[in-house]
Amino acid sequence: MKYSYKVPCTKEKLRDIRSFVKEVLDKHGISEVDVSTLVLAIDEVCANVIIHGHSCNPKDSIELEIKIDKSQNLEFDIIDTVDLFDIATYQEPKIEDVIKQQKKGGIGLILVKRIMDDIEIIRLPKKNICRLTKKIELT
């Protein structure tokens, strides 16, 4: 099954994205713990795209596609027109260093990389896709 959701690039739409992801995953009998961690990962990537990629410009938009197949694979595509930061090549800092620096943020991408099984950036002529995949037990 495939689900799509398109939103303007504003921080206020992050709540709607979280609700959309939770609603889709709940339909497929995914555990509450798995739903919460997946919502966290998708929210983090979408927030980075909206805030850093688009500077919260409501004239821009991003699209989220969720694909769930019978072999227990979940695929989340965050589709955008800006040149996406390649999270797959992100060098994870030591958590101790992040804490010592006492700066706000810095652990979101660490969490995304630990939650998801695979992260891929696909660059196409008129759009870019951040594809996050997770194999999960469906009931």
Protein backbone atom coordinates (compact mmCIF):
# COMPACT_ATOMS: atom_id res chain seq x y z
CA MET A 1 0.00 0.00 0.00
CA LYS A 2 1.10 3.55 -0.67
CA TYR A 3 0.07 6.71 1.16
CA SER A 4 0.99 10.29 0.21
CA TYR A 5 0.88 13.57 2.09
CA LYS A 6 2.02 17.00 0.87
CA VAL A 7 2.46 20.00 3.15
CA PRO A 8 3.78 23.57 3.00
CA CYS A 9 7.19 24.09 4.60
CA THR A 10 6.15 25.52 7.97
CA LYS A 11 6.99 24.25 11.45
CA GLU A 12 3.28 24.14 12.25
CA LYS A 13 2.82 21.36 9.66
CA LEU A 14 5.19 19.05 11.53
CA ARG A 15 2.32 18.14 13.87
CA ASP A 16 0.23 17.16 10.83
CA ILE A 17 3.09 15.05 9.46
CA ARG A 18 3.42 13.21 12.79
CA SER A 19 -0.33 12.58 12.85
CA PHE A 20 -0.32 11.30 9.26
CA VAL A 21 2.55 8.87 9.92
CA LYS A 22 0.95 7.60 13.14
CA GLU A 23 -2.44 7.14 11.47
CA VAL A 24 -0.95 5.16 8.56
CA LEU A 25 1.18 2.94 10.77
CA ASP A 26 -1.67 2.31 13.23
CA LYS A 27 -3.77 0.93 10.35
CA HIS A 28 -1.22 -1.83 9.84
CA GLY A 29 -1.00 -3.19 13.37
CA ILE A 30 2.48 -1.88 14.11
CA SER A 31 3.35 -1.82 17.80
CA GLU A 32 2.98 1.42 19.71
CA VAL A 33 6.72 1.49 20.47
CA ASP A 34 7.65 1.02 16.80
CA VAL A 35 5.12 3.67 15.73
CA SER A 36 6.57 6.17 18.22
CA THR A 37 10.17 5.61 17.13
CA LEU A 38 9.30 5.79 13.43
CA VAL A 39 7.26 8.99 13.95
CA LEU A 40 10.29 10.46 15.75
CA ALA A 41 12.64 9.61 12.86
CA ILE A 42 10.33 10.96 10.14
CA ASP A 43 9.61 14.10 12.15
CA GLU A 44 13.34 14.77 12.57
CA VAL A 45 14.11 14.47 8.85
CA CYS A 46 11.07 16.53 7.82
CA ALA A 47 11.93 19.21 10.40
CA ASN A 48 15.47 19.45 9.04
CA VAL A 49 14.21 19.78 5.46
CA ILE A 50 11.58 22.38 6.38
CA ILE A 51 13.79 24.44 8.70
CA HIS A 52 17.23 24.16 7.11
CA GLY A 53 16.36 23.39 3.48
CA HIS A 54 13.47 25.82 3.07
CA SER A 55 13.89 28.31 5.93
CA CYS A 56 10.22 27.64 6.82
CA ASN A 57 8.98 29.19 3.56
CA PRO A 58 5.24 28.38 3.27
CA LYS A 59 5.41 28.87 -0.52
CA ASP A 60 7.55 25.72 -0.70
CA SER A 61 6.30 22.23 0.07
CA ILE A 62 7.52 18.73 0.77
CA GLU A 63 5.80 15.43 0.10
CA LEU A 64 5.91 12.32 2.24
CA GLU A 65 5.14 8.90 0.76
CA ILE A 66 4.79 5.80 2.90
CA LYS A 67 4.94 2.40 1.25
CA ILE A 68 4.17 -0.78 3.14
CA ASP A 69 4.62 -4.12 1.43
CA LYS A 70 3.67 -7.67 2.33
CA SER A 71 7.27 -8.61 3.15
CA GLN A 72 7.22 -6.36 6.22
CA ASN A 73 9.15 -3.49 4.68
CA LEU A 74 8.30 0.12 5.42
CA GLU A 75 9.60 2.78 3.05
CA PHE A 76 9.34 6.48 3.80
CA ASP A 77 10.15 8.87 0.94
CA ILE A 78 10.58 12.54 1.77
CA ILE A 79 10.37 14.23 -1.63
CA ASP A 80 11.68 17.72 -2.11
CA THR A 81 13.11 20.10 -4.70
CA VAL A 82 16.08 21.42 -2.68
CA ASP A 83 19.43 19.69 -2.62
CA LEU A 84 18.97 17.46 0.41
CA PHE A 85 21.63 16.98 3.04
CA ASP A 86 22.96 13.45 2.62
CA ILE A 87 22.17 11.90 5.98
CA ALA A 88 23.57 8.58 4.75
CA THR A 89 27.10 10.05 4.74
CA TYR A 90 26.64 11.94 8.02
CA GLN A 91 29.53 11.22 10.39
CA GLU A 92 27.98 10.67 13.78
CA PRO A 93 29.70 12.60 16.57
CA LYS A 94 30.30 10.98 19.94
CA ILE A 95 27.32 11.64 22.18
CA GLU A 96 29.72 12.78 24.92
CA ASP A 97 31.05 15.50 22.61
CA VAL A 98 27.54 16.74 21.83
CA ILE A 99 26.77 16.94 25.56
CA LYS A 100 30.06 18.74 26.33
CA GLN A 101 29.38 21.37 23.66
CA GLN A 102 26.05 22.15 25.36
CA LYS A 103 24.49 23.31 22.13
CA LYS A 104 20.86 22.87 21.30
CA GLY A 105 20.30 20.01 18.87
CA GLY A 106 22.81 17.60 17.45
CA ILE A 107 21.25 14.27 18.36
CA GLY A 108 18.33 14.10 15.92
CA LEU A 109 20.30 12.64 13.03
CA ILE A 110 22.02 10.21 15.40
CA LEU A 111 18.58 8.91 16.39
CA VAL A 112 17.39 8.66 12.78
CA LYS A 113 20.43 6.59 11.80
CA ARG A 114 19.90 4.27 14.77
CA ILE A 115 16.15 3.86 14.21
CA MET A 116 16.13 3.20 10.46
CA ASP A 117 17.65 0.17 8.72
CA ASP A 118 18.69 2.08 5.61
CA ILE A 119 18.92 5.71 4.49
CA GLU A 120 19.39 6.71 0.88
CA ILE A 121 19.42 10.05 -0.94
CA ILE A 122 18.17 9.81 -4.52
CA ARG A 123 18.92 12.82 -6.70
CA LEU A 124 16.70 13.25 -9.76
CA PRO A 125 16.56 16.11 -12.30
CA LYS A 126 13.62 17.95 -10.69
CA LYS A 127 13.41 16.44 -7.23
CA ASN A 128 15.36 14.73 -4.50
CA ILE A 129 14.20 11.87 -2.32
CA CYS A 130 15.36 10.94 1.14
CA ARG A 131 14.36 7.27 1.41
CA LEU A 132 14.23 5.77 4.88
CA THR A 133 13.52 2.05 5.16
CA LYS A 134 12.69 -0.20 8.08
CA LYS A 135 11.89 -3.90 8.24
CA ILE A 136 9.29 -4.49 10.91
CA GLU A 137 6.95 -7.15 12.22
CA LEU A 138 3.44 -6.53 10.93
CA THR A 139 0.46 -8.24 12.53
